[in-house]
Amino acid sequence: MMKFSLLSLLFFATAVFAHIPGFLTGVDFDNTSFFIDDIQLSQIYYYEFERPEGITFSFVGDVGENLYIMFGVPVGVPVMEETKGFRPRVSIYKPDGSLLKEFVLDDVEPEVMYEFFGDTNSYLYIRYDTFIQEAGTYKVVIEASEEGRAWIAFGREERFTFGQILSIPFWIREMRDFHYLSGLARWEKYAFTGVALLAAGIITLVLVFR
């Protein structure tokens, strides 16, 4: 029963989880771009800039495909004004190398976005939604002039393997750490309390009626 309850929690978490996360380091961009296999798949990548630098993501797009991108930085708790001031430049390049779209965020007032699964808040600077007009390899370049943390999300289609579902508890820890947080997310506290109460109730019934 306890095992069933824990698995139920994991499947519930999958139902409310928005993106498959990736936690990247400089090694992932060593003299190359980070290639995204499926731009339609809902996925989010976290990266900590340890110095002024640029990182590049690449993907192959087909005409008519939806290109959906979000970009933000963690808020932290209590609210950390220094993270709000971290505003890298984000540029999207067409297959021929010409600029498709550039986001200069210096004067942008961000939306504060709450993410239920990790129980985190972010300053959301970009929500870009368009359709691909030319087939080929696109690049998304993020250039930071100082150190800081940022994430970028692609796609809308939510698909999870069983192995990924089992990774959810570890993902939560890493997500919360990236957002300068620790401990359990609020939904985890309520869920585990519910499981504990259910287990206690079952044990009580067994003792009473045995």
C-alpha atoms as a PDB file:
ATOM      1  CA  MET A   1       0.000   0.000   0.000  1.00  0.00           C
ATOM      2  CA  MET A   2       2.808   2.406   0.889  1.00  0.00           C
ATOM      3  CA  LYS A   3       4.621   1.545  -2.350  1.00  0.00           C
ATOM      4  CA  PHE A   4       1.392   2.142  -4.297  1.00  0.00           C
ATOM      5  CA  SER A   5       0.890   5.515  -2.623  1.00  0.00           C
ATOM      6  CA  LEU A   6       4.417   6.681  -3.426  1.00  0.00           C
ATOM      7  CA  LEU A   7       4.052   5.630  -7.061  1.00  0.00           C
ATOM      8  CA  SER A   8       0.727   7.460  -7.187  1.00  0.00           C
ATOM      9  CA  LEU A   9       2.504  10.600  -5.967  1.00  0.00           C
ATOM     10  CA  LEU A  10       5.093  10.278  -8.704  1.00  0.00           C
ATOM     11  CA  PHE A  11       2.446   9.912 -11.399  1.00  0.00           C
ATOM     12  CA  PHE A  12       0.563  12.892  -9.950  1.00  0.00           C
ATOM     13  CA  ALA A  13       3.782  14.881 -10.092  1.00  0.00           C
ATOM     14  CA  THR A  14       4.215  13.909 -13.736  1.00  0.00           C
ATOM     15  CA  ALA A  15       0.715  15.171 -14.511  1.00  0.00           C
ATOM     16  CA  VAL A  16       1.536  18.645 -13.172  1.00  0.00           C
ATOM     17  CA  PHE A  17       5.167  18.772 -14.283  1.00  0.00           C
ATOM     18  CA  ALA A  18       5.653  21.063 -17.274  1.00  0.00           C
ATOM     19  CA  HIS A  19       9.158  20.425 -18.616  1.00  0.00           C
ATOM     20  CA  ILE A  20      11.838  17.746 -18.678  1.00  0.00           C
ATOM     21  CA  PRO A  21      14.797  19.466 -16.995  1.00  0.00           C
ATOM     22  CA  GLY A  22      18.446  19.466 -17.972  1.00  0.00           C
ATOM     23  CA  PHE A  23      21.178  20.808 -15.704  1.00  0.00           C
ATOM     24  CA  LEU A  24      24.032  21.940 -17.920  1.00  0.00           C
ATOM     25  CA  THR A  25      27.621  23.015 -17.308  1.00  0.00           C
ATOM     26  CA  GLY A  26      30.351  24.521 -19.437  1.00  0.00           C
ATOM     27  CA  VAL A  27      31.408  21.032 -20.564  1.00  0.00           C
ATOM     28  CA  ASP A  28      28.114  20.714 -22.464  1.00  0.00           C
ATOM     29  CA  PHE A  29      29.088  23.736 -24.577  1.00  0.00           C
ATOM     30  CA  ASP A  30      32.802  22.990 -24.930  1.00  0.00           C
ATOM     31  CA  ASN A  31      33.693  24.370 -28.396  1.00  0.00           C
ATOM     32  CA  THR A  32      30.236  23.516 -29.700  1.00  0.00           C
ATOM     33  CA  SER A  33      26.522  24.149 -29.294  1.00  0.00           C
ATOM     34  CA  PHE A  34      24.141  22.047 -27.227  1.00  0.00           C
ATOM     35  CA  PHE A  35      21.914  20.219 -29.714  1.00  0.00           C
ATOM     36  CA  ILE A  36      18.200  19.811 -28.968  1.00  0.00           C
ATOM     37  CA  ASP A  37      16.841  16.653 -30.574  1.00  0.00           C
ATOM     38  CA  ASP A  38      13.137  17.547 -30.529  1.00  0.00           C
ATOM     39  CA  ILE A  39      12.174  21.217 -30.374  1.00  0.00           C
ATOM     40  CA  GLN A  40       8.502  20.279 -29.849  1.00  0.00           C
ATOM     41  CA  LEU A  41       9.236  18.376 -26.623  1.00  0.00           C
ATOM     42  CA  SER A  42       8.638  20.413 -23.475  1.00  0.00           C
ATOM     43  CA  GLN A  43      12.078  20.802 -21.879  1.00  0.00           C
ATOM     44  CA  ILE A  44      13.951  23.286 -19.710  1.00  0.00           C
ATOM     45  CA  TYR A  45      17.690  23.819 -19.312  1.00  0.00           C
ATOM     46  CA  TYR A  46      19.363  25.403 -16.295  1.00  0.00           C
ATOM     47  CA  TYR A  47      22.782  27.028 -16.507  1.00  0.00           C
ATOM     48  CA  GLU A  48      24.991  29.027 -14.164  1.00  0.00           C
ATOM     49  CA  PHE A  49      27.234  31.608 -15.825  1.00  0.00           C
ATOM     50  CA  GLU A  50      30.402  31.761 -13.760  1.00  0.00           C
ATOM     51  CA  ARG A  51      31.915  34.600 -15.834  1.00  0.00           C
ATOM     52  CA  PRO A  52      31.007  36.751 -18.858  1.00  0.00           C
ATOM     53  CA  GLU A  53      30.367  34.205 -21.600  1.00  0.00           C
ATOM     54  CA  GLY A  54      28.013  33.029 -24.314  1.00  0.00           C
ATOM     55  CA  ILE A  55      26.363  29.646 -24.775  1.00  0.00           C
ATOM     56  CA  THR A  56      24.613  28.297 -27.861  1.00  0.00           C
ATOM     57  CA  PHE A  57      21.715  25.900 -28.366  1.00  0.00           C
ATOM     58  CA  SER A  58      20.958  24.465 -31.807  1.00  0.00           C
ATOM     59  CA  PHE A  59      18.060  22.516 -33.286  1.00  0.00           C
ATOM     60  CA  VAL A  60      16.680  21.443 -36.649  1.00  0.00           C
ATOM     61  CA  GLY A  61      13.358  23.015 -37.540  1.00  0.00           C
ATOM     62  CA  ASP A  62      10.875  22.185 -40.294  1.00  0.00           C
ATOM     63  CA  VAL A  63       8.525  24.621 -42.006  1.00  0.00           C
ATOM     64  CA  GLY A  64       5.285  24.997 -40.054  1.00  0.00           C
ATOM     65  CA  GLU A  65       6.642  23.675 -36.755  1.00  0.00           C
ATOM     66  CA  ASN A  66       5.873  25.679 -33.644  1.00  0.00           C
ATOM     67  CA  LEU A  67       8.858  27.385 -32.025  1.00  0.00           C
ATOM     68  CA  TYR A  68       8.042  28.140 -28.398  1.00  0.00           C
ATOM     69  CA  ILE A  69      10.721  29.572 -26.106  1.00  0.00           C
ATOM     70  CA  MET A  70      10.665  30.940 -22.575  1.00  0.00           C
ATOM     71  CA  PHE A  71      13.611  32.499 -20.770  1.00  0.00           C
ATOM     72  CA  GLY A  72      14.006  33.559 -17.150  1.00  0.00           C
ATOM     73  CA  VAL A  73      16.157  33.809 -14.059  1.00  0.00           C
ATOM     74  CA  PRO A  74      15.439  32.570 -10.512  1.00  0.00           C
ATOM     75  CA  VAL A  75      13.920  34.992  -8.010  1.00  0.00           C
ATOM     76  CA  GLY A  76      15.233  33.349  -4.844  1.00  0.00           C
ATOM     77  CA  VAL A  77      13.777  33.688  -1.347  1.00  0.00           C
ATOM     78  CA  PRO A  78      13.719  36.240   0.065  1.00  0.00           C
ATOM     79  CA  VAL A  79      13.448  38.188  -3.189  1.00  0.00           C
ATOM     80  CA  MET A  80      16.972  38.755  -4.490  1.00  0.00           C
ATOM     81  CA  GLU A  81      17.252  42.032  -6.397  1.00  0.00           C
ATOM     82  CA  GLU A  82      20.632  41.013  -7.817  1.00  0.00           C
ATOM     83  CA  THR A  83      19.004  38.179  -9.781  1.00  0.00           C
ATOM     84  CA  LYS A  84      16.500  40.629 -11.290  1.00  0.00           C
ATOM     85  CA  GLY A  85      19.437  42.667 -12.555  1.00  0.00           C
ATOM     86  CA  PHE A  86      20.938  39.675 -14.377  1.00  0.00           C
ATOM     87  CA  ARG A  87      19.762  40.155 -17.969  1.00  0.00           C
ATOM     88  CA  PRO A  88      21.658  38.275 -20.664  1.00  0.00           C
ATOM     89  CA  ARG A  89      21.082  39.008 -24.335  1.00  0.00           C
ATOM     90  CA  VAL A  90      19.186  36.276 -26.208  1.00  0.00           C
ATOM     91  CA  SER A  91      19.401  35.957 -30.003  1.00  0.00           C
ATOM     92  CA  ILE A  92      17.854  33.493 -32.439  1.00  0.00           C
ATOM     93  CA  TYR A  93      19.602  32.841 -35.764  1.00  0.00           C
ATOM     94  CA  LYS A  94      18.154  31.413 -38.975  1.00  0.00           C
ATOM     95  CA  PRO A  95      19.737  28.499 -40.880  1.00  0.00           C
ATOM     96  CA  ASP A  96      21.556  30.966 -43.161  1.00  0.00           C
ATOM     97  CA  GLY A  97      23.136  32.684 -40.137  1.00  0.00           C
ATOM     98  CA  SER A  98      21.041  35.833 -40.288  1.00  0.00           C
ATOM     99  CA  LEU A  99      19.308  37.173 -37.197  1.00  0.00           C
ATOM    100  CA  LEU A 100      15.713  36.039 -36.715  1.00  0.00           C
ATOM    101  CA  LYS A 101      15.034  37.705 -33.372  1.00  0.00           C
ATOM    102  CA  GLU A 102      17.050  39.505 -30.715  1.00  0.00           C
ATOM    103  CA  PHE A 103      15.935  40.144 -27.144  1.00  0.00           C
ATOM    104  CA  VAL A 104      17.614  43.005 -25.304  1.00  0.00           C
ATOM    105  CA  LEU A 105      16.244  42.791 -21.780  1.00  0.00           C
ATOM    106  CA  ASP A 106      17.708  45.898 -20.123  1.00  0.00           C
ATOM    107  CA  ASP A 107      14.392  47.792 -20.007  1.00  0.00           C
ATOM    108  CA  VAL A 108      12.036  44.814 -19.789  1.00  0.00           C
ATOM    109  CA  GLU A 109       9.844  44.547 -16.685  1.00  0.00           C
ATOM    110  CA  PRO A 110       9.663  40.796 -16.078  1.00  0.00           C
ATOM    111  CA  GLU A 111       6.646  38.728 -15.180  1.00  0.00           C
ATOM    112  CA  VAL A 112       7.033  36.837 -11.897  1.00  0.00           C
ATOM    113  CA  MET A 113       6.247  33.229 -12.783  1.00  0.00           C
ATOM    114  CA  TYR A 114       5.418  30.583 -10.185  1.00  0.00           C
ATOM    115  CA  GLU A 115       6.294  26.974 -10.975  1.00  0.00           C
ATOM    116  CA  PHE A 116       4.175  24.561  -8.931  1.00  0.00           C
ATOM    117  CA  PHE A 117       6.266  21.436  -9.275  1.00  0.00           C
ATOM    118  CA  GLY A 118       9.484  22.820  -7.836  1.00  0.00           C
ATOM    119  CA  ASP A 119       7.609  25.423  -5.760  1.00  0.00           C
ATOM    120  CA  THR A 120       9.839  28.125  -7.247  1.00  0.00           C
ATOM    121  CA  ASN A 121       9.520  31.660  -8.620  1.00  0.00           C
ATOM    122  CA  SER A 122      11.317  33.142 -11.620  1.00  0.00           C
ATOM    123  CA  TYR A 123      11.561  36.438 -13.409  1.00  0.00           C
ATOM    124  CA  LEU A 124      10.182  35.574 -16.850  1.00  0.00           C
ATOM    125  CA  TYR A 125      11.702  37.845 -19.505  1.00  0.00           C
ATOM    126  CA  ILE A 126      10.833  36.078 -22.742  1.00  0.00           C
ATOM    127  CA  ARG A 127       7.796  34.176 -23.969  1.00  0.00           C
ATOM    128  CA  TYR A 128       8.323  33.745 -27.705  1.00  0.00           C
ATOM    129  CA  ASP A 129       5.782  31.872 -29.822  1.00  0.00           C
ATOM    130  CA  THR A 130       6.026  31.601 -33.612  1.00  0.00           C
ATOM    131  CA  PHE A 131       6.040  29.162 -36.529  1.00  0.00           C
ATOM    132  CA  ILE A 132       9.173  28.190 -38.417  1.00  0.00           C
ATOM    133  CA  GLN A 133       9.291  29.657 -41.927  1.00  0.00           C
ATOM    134  CA  GLU A 134      12.513  28.045 -43.207  1.00  0.00           C
ATOM    135  CA  ALA A 135      13.757  24.482 -42.770  1.00  0.00           C
ATOM    136  CA  GLY A 136      17.250  23.984 -41.388  1.00  0.00           C
ATOM    137  CA  THR A 137      19.433  24.322 -38.315  1.00  0.00           C
ATOM    138  CA  TYR A 138      18.657  27.234 -36.009  1.00  0.00           C
ATOM    139  CA  LYS A 139      20.772  28.602 -33.179  1.00  0.00           C
ATOM    140  CA  VAL A 140      19.810  30.308 -29.931  1.00  0.00           C
ATOM    141  CA  VAL A 141      22.655  32.257 -28.337  1.00  0.00           C
ATOM    142  CA  ILE A 142      22.594  33.502 -24.735  1.00  0.00           C
ATOM    143  CA  GLU A 143      25.281  36.072 -23.905  1.00  0.00           C
ATOM    144  CA  ALA A 144      25.917  37.136 -20.306  1.00  0.00           C
ATOM    145  CA  SER A 145      28.141  40.076 -19.362  1.00  0.00           C
ATOM    146  CA  GLU A 146      28.426  38.925 -15.747  1.00  0.00           C
ATOM    147  CA  GLU A 147      27.957  35.846 -13.592  1.00  0.00           C
ATOM    148  CA  GLY A 148      24.471  34.644 -12.750  1.00  0.00           C
ATOM    149  CA  ARG A 149      21.891  31.888 -13.240  1.00  0.00           C
ATOM    150  CA  ALA A 150      19.342  31.548 -16.028  1.00  0.00           C
ATOM    151  CA  TRP A 151      17.082  28.962 -17.616  1.00  0.00           C
ATOM    152  CA  ILE A 152      15.623  28.523 -21.085  1.00  0.00           C
ATOM    153  CA  ALA A 153      12.638  26.350 -22.003  1.00  0.00           C
ATOM    154  CA  PHE A 154      11.573  24.970 -25.377  1.00  0.00           C
ATOM    155  CA  GLY A 155       8.457  23.221 -26.659  1.00  0.00           C
ATOM    156  CA  ARG A 156       4.982  22.353 -25.431  1.00  0.00           C
ATOM    157  CA  GLU A 157       4.563  18.587 -25.870  1.00  0.00           C
ATOM    158  CA  GLU A 158       4.774  16.761 -22.538  1.00  0.00           C
ATOM    159  CA  ARG A 159       6.137  13.214 -22.800  1.00  0.00           C
ATOM    160  CA  PHE A 160       7.892  11.271 -20.047  1.00  0.00           C
ATOM    161  CA  THR A 161       9.555   7.879 -19.926  1.00  0.00           C
ATOM    162  CA  PHE A 162       9.167   5.676 -16.841  1.00  0.00           C
ATOM    163  CA  GLY A 163      12.827   6.279 -16.001  1.00  0.00           C
ATOM    164  CA  GLN A 164      12.251  10.024 -16.116  1.00  0.00           C
ATOM    165  CA  ILE A 165       9.259   9.675 -13.802  1.00  0.00           C
ATOM    166  CA  LEU A 166      11.481   7.903 -11.267  1.00  0.00           C
ATOM    167  CA  SER A 167      13.958  10.797 -11.525  1.00  0.00           C
ATOM    168  CA  ILE A 168      11.379  13.369 -10.399  1.00  0.00           C
ATOM    169  CA  PRO A 169      12.476  13.494  -6.709  1.00  0.00           C
ATOM    170  CA  PHE A 170      16.072  14.188  -7.774  1.00  0.00           C
ATOM    171  CA  TRP A 171      14.964  16.817 -10.295  1.00  0.00           C
ATOM    172  CA  ILE A 172      13.053  18.674  -7.597  1.00  0.00           C
ATOM    173  CA  ARG A 173      16.144  18.907  -5.389  1.00  0.00           C
ATOM    174  CA  GLU A 174      18.273  20.270  -8.232  1.00  0.00           C
ATOM    175  CA  MET A 175      15.595  22.719  -9.367  1.00  0.00           C
ATOM    176  CA  ARG A 176      15.150  24.123  -5.886  1.00  0.00           C
ATOM    177  CA  ASP A 177      18.892  24.390  -5.373  1.00  0.00           C
ATOM    178  CA  PHE A 178      19.188  26.308  -8.656  1.00  0.00           C
ATOM    179  CA  HIS A 179      16.544  28.749  -7.376  1.00  0.00           C
ATOM    180  CA  TYR A 180      18.488  29.289  -4.122  1.00  0.00           C
ATOM    181  CA  LEU A 181      16.000  27.148  -2.162  1.00  0.00           C
ATOM    182  CA  SER A 182      16.267  24.043   0.004  1.00  0.00           C
ATOM    183  CA  GLY A 183      13.953  21.495   1.592  1.00  0.00           C
ATOM    184  CA  LEU A 184      10.713  20.042   0.246  1.00  0.00           C
ATOM    185  CA  ALA A 185       8.324  21.778  -2.121  1.00  0.00           C
ATOM    186  CA  ARG A 186       4.978  22.609  -0.516  1.00  0.00           C
ATOM    187  CA  TRP A 187       3.085  19.956  -2.470  1.00  0.00           C
ATOM    188  CA  GLU A 188       5.637  17.344  -1.340  1.00  0.00           C
ATOM    189  CA  LYS A 189       5.031  18.230   2.317  1.00  0.00           C
ATOM    190  CA  TYR A 190       1.268  17.885   1.919  1.00  0.00           C
ATOM    191  CA  ALA A 191       1.583  14.703  -0.128  1.00  0.00           C
ATOM    192  CA  PHE A 192       3.940  12.932   2.264  1.00  0.00           C
ATOM    193  CA  THR A 193       1.787  14.011   5.196  1.00  0.00           C
ATOM    194  CA  GLY A 194      -1.186  12.431   3.415  1.00  0.00           C
ATOM    195  CA  VAL A 195       0.738   9.211   2.794  1.00  0.00           C
ATOM    196  CA  ALA A 196       1.821   9.077   6.457  1.00  0.00           C
ATOM    197  CA  LEU A 197      -1.764   9.586   7.644  1.00  0.00           C
ATOM    198  CA  LEU A 198      -3.006   6.896   5.257  1.00  0.00           C
ATOM    199  CA  ALA A 199      -0.364   4.448   6.461  1.00  0.00           C
ATOM    200  CA  ALA A 200      -1.185   5.239  10.101  1.00  0.00           C
ATOM    201  CA  GLY A 201      -4.881   4.662   9.410  1.00  0.00           C
ATOM    202  CA  ILE A 202      -4.250   1.302   7.772  1.00  0.00           C
ATOM    203  CA  ILE A 203      -2.013   0.166  10.631  1.00  0.00           C
ATOM    204  CA  THR A 204      -4.664   1.230  13.158  1.00  0.00           C
ATOM    205  CA  LEU A 205      -7.347  -0.747  11.322  1.00  0.00           C
ATOM    206  CA  VAL A 206      -5.129  -3.828  11.167  1.00  0.00           C
ATOM    207  CA  LEU A 207      -4.433  -3.636  14.924  1.00  0.00           C
ATOM    208  CA  VAL A 208      -8.109  -3.122  15.768  1.00  0.00           C
ATOM    209  CA  PHE A 209      -9.512  -5.935  13.638  1.00  0.00           C
ATOM    210  CA  ARG A 210      -6.794  -8.568  13.781  1.00  0.00           C
END
